[in-house]
Amino acid sequence: MEEEIGVTGIELNEECKYYSIEIDEALQKKRFNMLYTGQFDGRIRFNLEDVADIRWISPTVLRDWMSRRRVDFTEGFVNCFSYYSKHK
């Protein structure tokens, strides 16, 4: 979080653990993942060398976007958001 968005010193809550298999450029990637949530009320400093685009949208708008244009998202993000939605 510090490197990508400049956030430090917050308490993270483990939401879930899950296993995923993703295909990326003909490579099969098997991963164990952990999903954390946290609250931050401060200035976010995006690392523009690592972050291509920034948008603040609601989960409802995000679900609609993913259903219309799944190609806009990595498989890993779609999997993570699916697990997040089930646990929230």
PDB file of N, CA and C in Angstrom:
ATOM      1  N   MET A   1       0.813  -1.185   0.000  1.00  0.00           N
ATOM      2  CA  MET A   1       0.000   0.000   0.000  1.00  0.00           C
ATOM      3  C   MET A   1       0.861   1.255   0.000  1.00  0.00           C
ATOM      4  N   GLU A   2       1.945   1.182   0.709  1.00  0.00           N
ATOM      5  CA  GLU A   2       2.804   2.367   0.772  1.00  0.00           C
ATOM      6  C   GLU A   2       3.379   2.696  -0.601  1.00  0.00           C
ATOM      7  N   GLU A   3       3.886   1.685  -1.296  1.00  0.00           N
ATOM      8  CA  GLU A   3       4.520   1.923  -2.591  1.00  0.00           C
ATOM      9  C   GLU A   3       3.517   2.402  -3.646  1.00  0.00           C
ATOM     10  N   GLU A   4       2.338   1.803  -3.691  1.00  0.00           N
ATOM     11  CA  GLU A   4       1.376   2.116  -4.750  1.00  0.00           C
ATOM     12  C   GLU A   4       0.526   3.350  -4.459  1.00  0.00           C
ATOM     13  N   ILE A   5       0.091   3.503  -3.190  1.00  0.00           N
ATOM     14  CA  ILE A   5      -0.835   4.599  -2.890  1.00  0.00           C
ATOM     15  C   ILE A   5      -0.423   5.459  -1.695  1.00  0.00           C
ATOM     16  N   GLY A   6       0.750   5.206  -1.137  1.00  0.00           N
ATOM     17  CA  GLY A   6       1.267   6.055  -0.072  1.00  0.00           C
ATOM     18  C   GLY A   6       0.551   5.935   1.261  1.00  0.00           C
ATOM     19  N   VAL A   7      -0.094   4.807   1.525  1.00  0.00           N
ATOM     20  CA  VAL A   7      -0.842   4.620   2.772  1.00  0.00           C
ATOM     21  C   VAL A   7      -0.051   3.722   3.713  1.00  0.00           C
ATOM     22  N   THR A   8       0.145   4.193   4.947  1.00  0.00           N
ATOM     23  CA  THR A   8       0.834   3.398   5.970  1.00  0.00           C
ATOM     24  C   THR A   8       0.097   3.542   7.293  1.00  0.00           C
ATOM     25  N   GLY A   9       0.423   2.656   8.204  1.00  0.00           N
ATOM     26  CA  GLY A   9      -0.027   2.776   9.582  1.00  0.00           C
ATOM     27  C   GLY A   9      -1.500   2.527   9.829  1.00  0.00           C
ATOM     28  N   ILE A  10      -2.151   1.727   8.987  1.00  0.00           N
ATOM     29  CA  ILE A  10      -3.552   1.424   9.250  1.00  0.00           C
ATOM     30  C   ILE A  10      -3.692  -0.049   9.639  1.00  0.00           C
ATOM     31  N   GLU A  11      -4.724  -0.341  10.396  1.00  0.00           N
ATOM     32  CA  GLU A  11      -4.998  -1.718  10.797  1.00  0.00           C
ATOM     33  C   GLU A  11      -5.727  -2.416   9.652  1.00  0.00           C
ATOM     34  N   LEU A  12      -5.226  -3.586   9.277  1.00  0.00           N
ATOM     35  CA  LEU A  12      -5.863  -4.376   8.234  1.00  0.00           C
ATOM     36  C   LEU A  12      -6.603  -5.545   8.856  1.00  0.00           C
ATOM     37  N   ASN A  13      -7.766  -5.838   8.315  1.00  0.00           N
ATOM     38  CA  ASN A  13      -8.579  -6.962   8.771  1.00  0.00           C
ATOM     39  C   ASN A  13      -8.592  -8.040   7.701  1.00  0.00           C
ATOM     40  N   GLU A  14      -8.234  -9.258   8.067  1.00  0.00           N
ATOM     41  CA  GLU A  14      -8.264 -10.353   7.104  1.00  0.00           C
ATOM     42  C   GLU A  14      -9.717 -10.744   6.863  1.00  0.00           C
ATOM     43  N   GLU A  15     -10.141 -10.671   5.603  1.00  0.00           N
ATOM     44  CA  GLU A  15     -11.514 -11.012   5.249  1.00  0.00           C
ATOM     45  C   GLU A  15     -11.651 -12.474   4.852  1.00  0.00           C
ATOM     46  N   CYS A  16     -10.723 -12.953   4.015  1.00  0.00           N
ATOM     47  CA  CYS A  16     -10.807 -14.349   3.580  1.00  0.00           C
ATOM     48  C   CYS A  16      -9.498 -14.766   2.910  1.00  0.00           C
ATOM     49  N   LYS A  17      -9.378 -16.072   2.752  1.00  0.00           N
ATOM     50  CA  LYS A  17      -8.287 -16.673   1.992  1.00  0.00           C
ATOM     51  C   LYS A  17      -8.949 -17.468   0.873  1.00  0.00           C
ATOM     52  N   TYR A  18      -8.323 -17.458  -0.303  1.00  0.00           N
ATOM     53  CA  TYR A  18      -8.884 -18.241  -1.399  1.00  0.00           C
ATOM     54  C   TYR A  18      -7.776 -18.654  -2.357  1.00  0.00           C
ATOM     55  N   TYR A  19      -8.077 -19.687  -3.117  1.00  0.00           N
ATOM     56  CA  TYR A  19      -7.156 -20.248  -4.096  1.00  0.00           C
ATOM     57  C   TYR A  19      -7.676 -19.886  -5.479  1.00  0.00           C
ATOM     58  N   SER A  20      -6.791 -19.509  -6.382  1.00  0.00           N
ATOM     59  CA  SER A  20      -7.229 -19.202  -7.741  1.00  0.00           C
ATOM     60  C   SER A  20      -6.251 -19.761  -8.759  1.00  0.00           C
ATOM     61  N   ILE A  21      -6.798 -20.051  -9.912  1.00  0.00           N
ATOM     62  CA  ILE A  21      -6.001 -20.442 -11.073  1.00  0.00           C
ATOM     63  C   ILE A  21      -6.324 -19.425 -12.151  1.00  0.00           C
ATOM     64  N   GLU A  22      -5.292 -18.768 -12.662  1.00  0.00           N
ATOM     65  CA  GLU A  22      -5.477 -17.737 -13.684  1.00  0.00           C
ATOM     66  C   GLU A  22      -4.632 -18.073 -14.898  1.00  0.00           C
ATOM     67  N   ILE A  23      -5.171 -17.769 -16.062  1.00  0.00           N
ATOM     68  CA  ILE A  23      -4.427 -17.928 -17.305  1.00  0.00           C
ATOM     69  C   ILE A  23      -4.007 -16.531 -17.759  1.00  0.00           C
ATOM     70  N   ASP A  24      -2.722 -16.326 -17.912  1.00  0.00           N
ATOM     71  CA  ASP A  24      -2.196 -15.019 -18.316  1.00  0.00           C
ATOM     72  C   ASP A  24      -1.166 -15.247 -19.410  1.00  0.00           C
ATOM     73  N   GLU A  25      -1.488 -14.799 -20.614  1.00  0.00           N
ATOM     74  CA  GLU A  25      -0.592 -14.969 -21.758  1.00  0.00           C
ATOM     75  C   GLU A  25      -0.121 -16.416 -21.890  1.00  0.00           C
ATOM     76  N   ALA A  26      -1.079 -17.331 -21.870  1.00  0.00           N
ATOM     77  CA  ALA A  26      -0.864 -18.771 -22.044  1.00  0.00           C
ATOM     78  C   ALA A  26      -0.139 -19.433 -20.876  1.00  0.00           C
ATOM     79  N   LEU A  27       0.083 -18.703 -19.783  1.00  0.00           N
ATOM     80  CA  LEU A  27       0.681 -19.293 -18.595  1.00  0.00           C
ATOM     81  C   LEU A  27      -0.404 -19.521 -17.547  1.00  0.00           C
ATOM     82  N   GLN A  28      -0.383 -20.680 -16.941  1.00  0.00           N
ATOM     83  CA  GLN A  28      -1.327 -20.965 -15.866  1.00  0.00           C
ATOM     84  C   GLN A  28      -0.673 -20.601 -14.540  1.00  0.00           C
ATOM     85  N   LYS A  29      -1.329 -19.727 -13.785  1.00  0.00           N
ATOM     86  CA  LYS A  29      -0.804 -19.282 -12.494  1.00  0.00           C
ATOM     87  C   LYS A  29      -1.728 -19.761 -11.393  1.00  0.00           C
ATOM     88  N   LYS A  30      -1.165 -20.523 -10.468  1.00  0.00           N
ATOM     89  CA  LYS A  30      -1.924 -21.007  -9.323  1.00  0.00           C
ATOM     90  C   LYS A  30      -1.487 -20.208  -8.108  1.00  0.00           C
ATOM     91  N   ARG A  31      -2.466 -19.634  -7.410  1.00  0.00           N
ATOM     92  CA  ARG A  31      -2.125 -18.738  -6.310  1.00  0.00           C
ATOM     93  C   ARG A  31      -3.014 -18.953  -5.104  1.00  0.00           C
ATOM     94  N   PHE A  32      -2.399 -18.809  -3.944  1.00  0.00           N
ATOM     95  CA  PHE A  32      -3.151 -18.671  -2.703  1.00  0.00           C
ATOM     96  C   PHE A  32      -3.214 -17.169  -2.429  1.00  0.00           C
ATOM     97  N   ASN A  33      -4.386 -16.664  -2.159  1.00  0.00           N
ATOM     98  CA  ASN A  33      -4.598 -15.234  -1.976  1.00  0.00           C
ATOM     99  C   ASN A  33      -5.203 -14.950  -0.614  1.00  0.00           C
ATOM    100  N   MET A  34      -4.931 -13.779  -0.083  1.00  0.00           N
ATOM    101  CA  MET A  34      -5.560 -13.308   1.142  1.00  0.00           C
ATOM    102  C   MET A  34      -6.123 -11.930   0.851  1.00  0.00           C
ATOM    103  N   LEU A  35      -7.349 -11.703   1.279  1.00  0.00           N
ATOM    104  CA  LEU A  35      -8.025 -10.435   1.047  1.00  0.00           C
ATOM    105  C   LEU A  35      -8.152  -9.693   2.375  1.00  0.00           C
ATOM    106  N   TYR A  36      -7.676  -8.459   2.393  1.00  0.00           N
ATOM    107  CA  TYR A  36      -7.710  -7.616   3.590  1.00  0.00           C
ATOM    108  C   TYR A  36      -8.527  -6.358   3.306  1.00  0.00           C
ATOM    109  N   THR A  37      -9.139  -5.824   4.347  1.00  0.00           N
ATOM    110  CA  THR A  37      -9.787  -4.523   4.261  1.00  0.00           C
ATOM    111  C   THR A  37      -9.239  -3.630   5.361  1.00  0.00           C
ATOM    112  N   GLY A  38      -9.395  -2.344   5.177  1.00  0.00           N
ATOM    113  CA  GLY A  38      -8.958  -1.391   6.184  1.00  0.00           C
ATOM    114  C   GLY A  38      -9.622  -0.051   5.922  1.00  0.00           C
ATOM    115  N   GLN A  39      -9.533   0.844   6.896  1.00  0.00           N
ATOM    116  CA  GLN A  39     -10.115   2.183   6.759  1.00  0.00           C
ATOM    117  C   GLN A  39      -8.996   3.209   6.831  1.00  0.00           C
ATOM    118  N   PHE A  40      -9.071   4.181   5.945  1.00  0.00           N
ATOM    119  CA  PHE A  40      -8.056   5.229   5.903  1.00  0.00           C
ATOM    120  C   PHE A  40      -8.743   6.558   5.631  1.00  0.00           C
ATOM    121  N   ASP A  41      -8.444   7.540   6.441  1.00  0.00           N
ATOM    122  CA  ASP A  41      -9.014   8.865   6.263  1.00  0.00           C
ATOM    123  C   ASP A  41      -7.861   9.860   6.170  1.00  0.00           C
ATOM    124  N   GLY A  42      -7.285   9.912   4.994  1.00  0.00           N
ATOM    125  CA  GLY A  42      -6.127  10.777   4.806  1.00  0.00           C
ATOM    126  C   GLY A  42      -5.875  10.985   3.328  1.00  0.00           C
ATOM    127  N   ARG A  43      -4.765  11.584   3.046  1.00  0.00           N
ATOM    128  CA  ARG A  43      -4.390  11.876   1.651  1.00  0.00           C
ATOM    129  C   ARG A  43      -3.784  10.632   1.011  1.00  0.00           C
ATOM    130  N   ILE A  44      -4.286  10.259  -0.146  1.00  0.00           N
ATOM    131  CA  ILE A  44      -3.731   9.146  -0.913  1.00  0.00           C
ATOM    132  C   ILE A  44      -2.800   9.733  -1.962  1.00  0.00           C
ATOM    133  N   ARG A  45      -1.578   9.184  -2.020  1.00  0.00           N
ATOM    134  CA  ARG A  45      -0.571   9.659  -2.968  1.00  0.00           C
ATOM    135  C   ARG A  45      -0.250   8.517  -3.944  1.00  0.00           C
ATOM    136  N   PHE A  46      -0.915   8.544  -5.087  1.00  0.00           N
ATOM    137  CA  PHE A  46      -0.724   7.493  -6.085  1.00  0.00           C
ATOM    138  C   PHE A  46       0.645   7.608  -6.728  1.00  0.00           C
ATOM    139  N   ASN A  47       1.314   6.474  -6.888  1.00  0.00           N
ATOM    140  CA  ASN A  47       2.582   6.415  -7.595  1.00  0.00           C
ATOM    141  C   ASN A  47       2.259   6.347  -9.085  1.00  0.00           C
ATOM    142  N   LEU A  48       2.362   7.456  -9.773  1.00  0.00           N
ATOM    143  CA  LEU A  48       1.949   7.539 -11.168  1.00  0.00           C
ATOM    144  C   LEU A  48       2.825   6.728 -12.108  1.00  0.00           C
ATOM    145  N   GLU A  49       3.978   6.267 -11.634  1.00  0.00           N
ATOM    146  CA  GLU A  49       4.795   5.353 -12.446  1.00  0.00           C
ATOM    147  C   GLU A  49       4.210   3.947 -12.440  1.00  0.00           C
ATOM    148  N   ASP A  50       3.456   3.598 -11.393  1.00  0.00           N
ATOM    149  CA  ASP A  50       2.888   2.256 -11.259  1.00  0.00           C
ATOM    150  C   ASP A  50       1.382   2.205 -11.494  1.00  0.00           C
ATOM    151  N   VAL A  51       0.700   3.326 -11.346  1.00  0.00           N
ATOM    152  CA  VAL A  51      -0.759   3.360 -11.445  1.00  0.00           C
ATOM    153  C   VAL A  51      -1.139   4.022 -12.761  1.00  0.00           C
ATOM    154  N   ALA A  52      -1.858   3.279 -13.620  1.00  0.00           N
ATOM    155  CA  ALA A  52      -2.200   3.791 -14.952  1.00  0.00           C
ATOM    156  C   ALA A  52      -3.452   4.657 -14.948  1.00  0.00           C
ATOM    157  N   ASP A  53      -4.407   4.352 -14.064  1.00  0.00           N
ATOM    158  CA  ASP A  53      -5.673   5.075 -14.071  1.00  0.00           C
ATOM    159  C   ASP A  53      -6.255   5.055 -12.666  1.00  0.00           C
ATOM    160  N   ILE A  54      -6.949   6.111 -12.304  1.00  0.00           N
ATOM    161  CA  ILE A  54      -7.536   6.236 -10.972  1.00  0.00           C
ATOM    162  C   ILE A  54      -8.992   6.631 -11.133  1.00  0.00           C
ATOM    163  N   ARG A  55      -9.886   5.866 -10.508  1.00  0.00           N
ATOM    164  CA  ARG A  55     -11.313   6.187 -10.544  1.00  0.00           C
ATOM    165  C   ARG A  55     -11.937   5.806  -9.210  1.00  0.00           C
ATOM    166  N   TRP A  56     -12.786   6.656  -8.695  1.00  0.00           N
ATOM    167  CA  TRP A  56     -13.567   6.348  -7.498  1.00  0.00           C
ATOM    168  C   TRP A  56     -14.969   5.995  -7.965  1.00  0.00           C
ATOM    169  N   ILE A  57     -15.364   4.722  -7.801  1.00  0.00           N
ATOM    170  CA  ILE A  57     -16.696   4.289  -8.224  1.00  0.00           C
ATOM    171  C   ILE A  57     -17.294   3.379  -7.160  1.00  0.00           C
ATOM    172  N   SER A  58     -18.584   3.266  -7.171  1.00  0.00           N
ATOM    173  CA  SER A  58     -19.281   2.413  -6.200  1.00  0.00           C
ATOM    174  C   SER A  58     -19.172   0.945  -6.627  1.00  0.00           C
ATOM    175  N   PRO A  59     -19.334   0.019  -5.680  1.00  0.00           N
ATOM    176  CA  PRO A  59     -19.331  -1.406  -6.046  1.00  0.00           C
ATOM    177  C   PRO A  59     -20.405  -1.747  -7.083  1.00  0.00           C
ATOM    178  N   THR A  60     -21.556  -1.082  -7.028  1.00  0.00           N
ATOM    179  CA  THR A  60     -22.620  -1.340  -7.997  1.00  0.00           C
ATOM    180  C   THR A  60     -22.183  -0.960  -9.402  1.00  0.00           C
ATOM    181  N   VAL A  61     -21.568   0.207  -9.550  1.00  0.00           N
ATOM    182  CA  VAL A  61     -21.070   0.646 -10.858  1.00  0.00           C
ATOM    183  C   VAL A  61     -19.967  -0.284 -11.342  1.00  0.00           C
ATOM    184  N   LEU A  62     -19.102  -0.722 -10.431  1.00  0.00           N
ATOM    185  CA  LEU A  62     -18.029  -1.643 -10.796  1.00  0.00           C
ATOM    186  C   LEU A  62     -18.584  -2.980 -11.294  1.00  0.00           C
ATOM    187  N   ARG A  63     -19.579  -3.536 -10.600  1.00  0.00           N
ATOM    188  CA  ARG A  63     -20.197  -4.802 -11.036  1.00  0.00           C
ATOM    189  C   ARG A  63     -20.791  -4.653 -12.443  1.00  0.00           C
ATOM    190  N   ASP A  64     -21.481  -3.546 -12.672  1.00  0.00           N
ATOM    191  CA  ASP A  64     -22.090  -3.301 -13.984  1.00  0.00           C
ATOM    192  C   ASP A  64     -21.011  -3.210 -15.062  1.00  0.00           C
ATOM    193  N   TRP A  65     -19.940  -2.473 -14.778  1.00  0.00           N
ATOM    194  CA  TRP A  65     -18.835  -2.327 -15.729  1.00  0.00           C
ATOM    195  C   TRP A  65     -18.227  -3.696 -16.044  1.00  0.00           C
ATOM    196  N   MET A  66     -17.987  -4.501 -15.014  1.00  0.00           N
ATOM    197  CA  MET A  66     -17.385  -5.825 -15.234  1.00  0.00           C
ATOM    198  C   MET A  66     -18.315  -6.726 -16.050  1.00  0.00           C
ATOM    199  N   SER A  67     -19.630  -6.592 -15.852  1.00  0.00           N
ATOM    200  CA  SER A  67     -20.551  -7.433 -16.620  1.00  0.00           C
ATOM    201  C   SER A  67     -20.602  -7.015 -18.092  1.00  0.00           C
ATOM    202  N   ARG A  68     -20.379  -5.727 -18.360  1.00  0.00           N
ATOM    203  CA  ARG A  68     -20.408  -5.238 -19.742  1.00  0.00           C
ATOM    204  C   ARG A  68     -19.071  -5.370 -20.454  1.00  0.00           C
ATOM    205  N   ARG A  69     -17.971  -5.144 -19.725  1.00  0.00           N
ATOM    206  CA  ARG A  69     -16.640  -5.085 -20.344  1.00  0.00           C
ATOM    207  C   ARG A  69     -15.614  -5.829 -19.496  1.00  0.00           C
ATOM    208  N   ARG A  70     -15.808  -7.116 -19.336  1.00  0.00           N
ATOM    209  CA  ARG A  70     -14.900  -7.896 -18.494  1.00  0.00           C
ATOM    210  C   ARG A  70     -13.451  -7.799 -18.965  1.00  0.00           C
ATOM    211  N   VAL A  71     -13.243  -7.583 -20.232  1.00  0.00           N
ATOM    212  CA  VAL A  71     -11.898  -7.491 -20.811  1.00  0.00           C
ATOM    213  C   VAL A  71     -11.112  -6.317 -20.219  1.00  0.00           C
ATOM    214  N   ASP A  72     -11.794  -5.349 -19.610  1.00  0.00           N
ATOM    215  CA  ASP A  72     -11.118  -4.200 -19.007  1.00  0.00           C
ATOM    216  C   ASP A  72     -10.416  -4.550 -17.687  1.00  0.00           C
ATOM    217  N   PHE A  73     -10.623  -5.761 -17.179  1.00  0.00           N
ATOM    218  CA  PHE A  73     -10.129  -6.136 -15.853  1.00  0.00           C
ATOM    219  C   PHE A  73      -9.286  -7.399 -15.921  1.00  0.00           C
ATOM    220  N   THR A  74      -8.293  -7.470 -15.046  1.00  0.00           N
ATOM    221  CA  THR A  74      -7.511  -8.706 -14.966  1.00  0.00           C
ATOM    222  C   THR A  74      -8.347  -9.782 -14.300  1.00  0.00           C
ATOM    223  N   GLU A  75      -8.043 -11.024 -14.608  1.00  0.00           N
ATOM    224  CA  GLU A  75      -8.757 -12.147 -13.993  1.00  0.00           C
ATOM    225  C   GLU A  75      -8.567 -12.138 -12.478  1.00  0.00           C
ATOM    226  N   GLY A  76      -7.374 -11.758 -12.040  1.00  0.00           N
ATOM    227  CA  GLY A  76      -7.099 -11.690 -10.606  1.00  0.00           C
ATOM    228  C   GLY A  76      -7.982 -10.676  -9.904  1.00  0.00           C
ATOM    229  N   PHE A  77      -8.203  -9.525 -10.531  1.00  0.00           N
ATOM    230  CA  PHE A  77      -9.070  -8.516  -9.931  1.00  0.00           C
ATOM    231  C   PHE A  77     -10.514  -9.002  -9.877  1.00  0.00           C
ATOM    232  N   VAL A  78     -10.989  -9.614 -10.966  1.00  0.00           N
ATOM    233  CA  VAL A  78     -12.361 -10.135 -10.997  1.00  0.00           C
ATOM    234  C   VAL A  78     -12.556 -11.168  -9.892  1.00  0.00           C
ATOM    235  N   ASN A  79     -11.589 -12.072  -9.731  1.00  0.00           N
ATOM    236  CA  ASN A  79     -11.669 -13.077  -8.657  1.00  0.00           C
ATOM    237  C   ASN A  79     -11.698 -12.422  -7.290  1.00  0.00           C
ATOM    238  N   CYS A  80     -10.812 -11.478  -7.055  1.00  0.00           N
ATOM    239  CA  CYS A  80     -10.731 -10.805  -5.765  1.00  0.00           C
ATOM    240  C   CYS A  80     -12.026 -10.055  -5.458  1.00  0.00           C
ATOM    241  N   PHE A  81     -12.560  -9.336  -6.417  1.00  0.00           N
ATOM    242  CA  PHE A  81     -13.790  -8.589  -6.192  1.00  0.00           C
ATOM    243  C   PHE A  81     -14.964  -9.533  -5.921  1.00  0.00           C
ATOM    244  N   SER A  82     -14.974 -10.663  -6.570  1.00  0.00           N
ATOM    245  CA  SER A  82     -16.022 -11.666  -6.334  1.00  0.00           C
ATOM    246  C   SER A  82     -15.973 -12.163  -4.881  1.00  0.00           C
ATOM    247  N   TYR A  83     -14.779 -12.487  -4.394  1.00  0.00           N
ATOM    248  CA  TYR A  83     -14.640 -12.929  -3.002  1.00  0.00           C
ATOM    249  C   TYR A  83     -14.978 -11.796  -2.035  1.00  0.00           C
ATOM    250  N   TYR A  84     -14.559 -10.589  -2.342  1.00  0.00           N
ATOM    251  CA  TYR A  84     -14.881  -9.433  -1.508  1.00  0.00           C
ATOM    252  C   TYR A  84     -16.404  -9.272  -1.401  1.00  0.00           C
ATOM    253  N   SER A  85     -17.094  -9.367  -2.532  1.00  0.00           N
ATOM    254  CA  SER A  85     -18.546  -9.192  -2.533  1.00  0.00           C
ATOM    255  C   SER A  85     -19.247 -10.257  -1.707  1.00  0.00           C
ATOM    256  N   LYS A  86     -18.735 -11.475  -1.718  1.00  0.00           N
ATOM    257  CA  LYS A  86     -19.342 -12.556  -0.931  1.00  0.00           C
ATOM    258  C   LYS A  86     -19.133 -12.382   0.558  1.00  0.00           C
ATOM    259  N   HIS A  87     -18.043 -11.732   0.957  1.00  0.00           N
ATOM    260  CA  HIS A  87     -17.702 -11.614   2.373  1.00  0.00           C
ATOM    261  C   HIS A  87     -18.121 -10.286   2.983  1.00  0.00           C
ATOM    262  N   LYS A  88     -18.652  -9.381   2.216  1.00  0.00           N
ATOM    263  CA  LYS A  88     -19.091  -8.076   2.750  1.00  0.00           C
ATOM    264  C   LYS A  88     -20.573  -8.034   2.891  1.00  0.00           C
TER     265      LYS A  88
END
